[in-house]
Amino acid sequence: MTYAHLEQHIRCIPDFPQAGILFRDITPLLRNDLRATIDALGSLLSDEEWHNIDAIVGIESRGFILASALAYAKNKSFLVVRKPHKLPPPFHSVSYALEYGHDELQMSSQFSGQRVLIVDDVLATGGTLRAACELCEQSGHHIQQMVLLINLANLNSFCWATLKPRCLLTYGA
């Protein structure tokens, strides 16, 4: 299965959730090709890199879908980064800017540090991913890599420390 095959299942919805935003709807992709999508995301890392990952971090909400399936497929632990008021204390919290506003994310601080892979659906301006990286570090985790389904490359040049995220599909490069 090719990336082009997967890409054909992503719907582009203009002016959603507000004017000027082109929303990439991955629900048809998940419906039609979840297994192939997870396999393709998993192939973005080598076997050696997978060996150095203990847990996969999923970012709410669509990142949960991809990260939990990938954690299952690779037999890894699963950790969550959530929106406010969803986690019991203790947790760390980071505010960040979105392409179309501001938000906040939280991560439990009760688990000991692990070597983690951060997974999300879309990389736009990088605010969400940056907040997730900050939360992982505040929580004592060691970021090994980041994997994204979609990179909107014209909106970012994201890098965390020396790591550049690996992306299955890139738009606007």
Protein backbone atom coordinates (compact mmCIF):
# COMPACT_ATOMS: atom_id res chain seq x y z
CA MET A 1 0.00 0.00 0.00
CA THR A 2 1.37 3.41 -0.96
CA TYR A 3 1.19 6.71 0.85
CA ALA A 4 -0.75 8.05 -2.16
CA HIS A 5 -3.39 5.38 -1.55
CA LEU A 6 -3.71 6.48 2.06
CA GLU A 7 -3.77 10.15 1.11
CA GLN A 8 -6.77 9.71 -1.19
CA HIS A 9 -8.91 9.01 1.90
CA ILE A 10 -8.20 12.38 3.53
CA ARG A 11 -10.95 14.94 2.94
CA CYS A 12 -10.09 18.62 2.67
CA ILE A 13 -12.75 20.88 4.19
CA PRO A 14 -12.27 24.61 3.57
CA ASP A 15 -13.13 27.21 6.20
CA PHE A 16 -13.42 24.72 9.07
CA PRO A 17 -13.42 25.24 12.00
CA GLN A 18 -13.25 28.88 10.91
CA ALA A 19 -12.71 30.93 7.77
CA GLY A 20 -9.26 30.58 6.23
CA ILE A 21 -8.51 27.12 7.68
CA LEU A 22 -8.29 24.08 5.39
CA PHE A 23 -9.18 21.15 7.68
CA ARG A 24 -7.73 17.72 6.85
CA ASP A 25 -10.39 15.18 7.86
CA ILE A 26 -8.76 11.83 8.59
CA THR A 27 -11.96 9.98 9.57
CA PRO A 28 -12.41 8.39 6.10
CA LEU A 29 -8.78 7.23 6.27
CA LEU A 30 -9.34 5.66 9.69
CA ARG A 31 -12.54 4.01 8.47
CA ASN A 32 -11.04 2.58 5.30
CA ASP A 33 -7.37 1.95 6.10
CA LEU A 34 -6.61 2.06 9.82
CA ARG A 35 -4.31 -0.97 9.75
CA ALA A 36 -2.34 0.31 6.74
CA THR A 37 -2.09 3.75 8.33
CA ILE A 38 -0.72 2.36 11.60
CA ASP A 39 1.70 0.10 9.71
CA ALA A 40 2.92 3.07 7.65
CA LEU A 41 3.40 5.22 10.76
CA GLY A 42 5.30 2.38 12.41
CA SER A 43 7.60 2.09 9.40
CA LEU A 44 8.81 5.67 9.92
CA LEU A 45 11.13 4.32 12.64
CA SER A 46 13.77 1.63 12.33
CA ASP A 47 13.74 -1.55 14.43
CA GLU A 48 16.63 -0.11 16.45
CA GLU A 49 14.68 3.08 17.13
CA TRP A 50 11.64 1.03 18.24
CA HIS A 51 13.92 -0.87 20.61
CA ASN A 52 14.75 2.45 22.34
CA ILE A 53 11.11 3.41 22.97
CA ASP A 54 9.25 2.39 26.13
CA ALA A 55 5.99 4.30 25.69
CA ILE A 56 3.97 6.14 23.09
CA VAL A 57 2.44 9.49 23.98
CA GLY A 58 -0.85 10.39 22.29
CA ILE A 59 -2.12 13.96 22.10
CA GLU A 60 -5.87 14.55 22.56
CA SER A 61 -7.92 13.86 20.66
CA ARG A 62 -7.17 12.41 17.24
CA GLY A 63 -3.62 11.64 18.34
CA PHE A 64 -5.14 9.17 20.83
CA ILE A 65 -6.46 7.06 17.96
CA LEU A 66 -3.14 6.79 16.17
CA ALA A 67 -0.94 6.53 19.27
CA SER A 68 -3.00 3.88 21.04
CA ALA A 69 -3.19 1.71 17.92
CA LEU A 70 0.55 2.12 17.37
CA ALA A 71 1.27 1.29 21.03
CA TYR A 72 -0.79 -1.87 20.67
CA ALA A 73 0.89 -2.84 17.38
CA LYS A 74 4.39 -2.30 18.80
CA ASN A 75 3.65 -3.64 22.30
CA LYS A 76 4.51 -0.37 24.03
CA SER A 77 2.98 1.51 26.96
CA PHE A 78 0.56 4.33 26.20
CA LEU A 79 0.60 7.76 27.85
CA VAL A 80 -1.80 10.63 27.26
CA VAL A 81 -1.56 14.38 26.86
CA ARG A 82 -5.01 15.81 27.57
CA LYS A 83 -6.97 19.01 27.46
CA PRO A 84 -7.68 20.76 30.79
CA HIS A 85 -9.95 19.23 33.45
CA LYS A 86 -9.60 15.66 32.13
CA LEU A 87 -6.80 14.36 34.37
CA PRO A 88 -6.78 13.98 38.16
CA PRO A 89 -3.82 15.54 39.96
CA PRO A 90 -0.90 15.50 40.00
CA PHE A 91 -0.21 16.80 36.50
CA HIS A 92 1.85 19.34 34.61
CA SER A 93 0.19 21.99 32.45
CA VAL A 94 1.37 24.04 29.45
CA SER A 95 -0.47 26.80 27.56
CA TYR A 96 0.22 27.23 23.84
CA ALA A 97 -0.88 29.04 20.69
CA LEU A 98 -2.89 27.34 17.95
CA GLU A 99 -3.22 28.26 14.30
CA TYR A 100 -6.58 29.81 15.25
CA GLY A 101 -6.43 30.56 19.00
CA HIS A 102 -4.94 29.41 22.32
CA ASP A 103 -5.28 26.23 24.35
CA GLU A 104 -3.74 24.25 27.18
CA LEU A 105 -2.55 20.68 27.58
CA GLN A 106 -1.84 18.56 30.64
CA MET A 107 0.08 15.37 31.39
CA SER A 108 0.13 13.22 34.49
CA SER A 109 3.23 13.63 36.61
CA GLN A 110 2.68 10.40 38.56
CA PHE A 111 4.58 8.04 36.23
CA SER A 112 8.35 7.60 36.23
CA GLY A 113 10.26 8.83 33.22
CA GLN A 114 10.36 6.69 30.13
CA ARG A 115 11.82 6.89 26.63
CA VAL A 116 8.87 8.13 24.58
CA LEU A 117 7.62 8.58 21.05
CA ILE A 118 5.11 11.41 20.67
CA VAL A 119 2.33 10.80 18.13
CA ASP A 120 -0.29 13.18 16.76
CA ASP A 121 -2.44 13.54 13.69
CA VAL A 122 -1.48 16.96 12.30
CA LEU A 123 1.48 19.30 12.67
CA ALA A 124 0.34 22.82 11.76
CA THR A 125 2.08 25.71 13.53
CA GLY A 126 3.77 23.38 16.03
CA GLY A 127 2.13 24.81 19.16
CA THR A 128 0.46 21.57 20.20
CA LEU A 129 3.54 19.45 19.54
CA ARG A 130 5.80 21.93 21.36
CA ALA A 131 3.47 21.87 24.39
CA ALA A 132 3.48 18.05 24.37
CA CYS A 133 7.29 18.00 24.23
CA GLU A 134 7.47 20.45 27.14
CA LEU A 135 5.03 18.31 29.14
CA CYS A 136 7.00 15.14 28.47
CA GLU A 137 10.20 16.77 29.67
CA GLN A 138 8.51 18.29 32.74
CA SER A 139 7.19 14.81 33.55
CA GLY A 140 10.68 13.28 33.34
CA HIS A 141 10.26 11.50 30.00
CA HIS A 142 12.99 11.37 27.36
CA ILE A 143 11.73 12.15 23.86
CA GLN A 144 13.19 9.74 21.34
CA GLN A 145 11.18 10.91 18.32
CA MET A 146 7.91 12.43 17.11
CA VAL A 147 5.65 10.90 14.46
CA LEU A 148 2.83 12.74 12.71
CA LEU A 149 0.30 11.59 10.15
CA ILE A 150 0.17 14.98 8.40
CA ASN A 151 2.63 17.87 8.28
CA LEU A 152 1.38 21.25 7.02
CA ALA A 153 4.96 22.23 6.18
CA ASN A 154 4.16 25.75 5.00
CA LEU A 155 3.02 26.60 8.56
CA ASN A 156 6.04 25.35 10.50
CA SER A 157 9.67 24.35 10.59
CA PHE A 158 9.28 22.41 13.83
CA CYS A 159 12.26 20.93 15.59
CA TRP A 160 12.63 19.83 19.22
CA ALA A 161 16.22 19.85 20.45
CA THR A 162 17.87 18.08 17.52
CA LEU A 163 14.80 16.03 16.52
CA LYS A 164 12.73 16.76 13.45
CA PRO A 165 9.35 15.03 13.42
CA ARG A 166 8.78 12.23 10.96
CA CYS A 167 5.62 12.67 8.93
CA LEU A 168 3.71 10.26 6.75
CA LEU A 169 2.13 12.92 4.53
CA THR A 170 3.36 16.46 3.89
CA TYR A 171 1.39 19.32 2.38
CA GLY A 172 2.66 22.74 1.35
CA ALA A 173 6.33 21.83 1.24
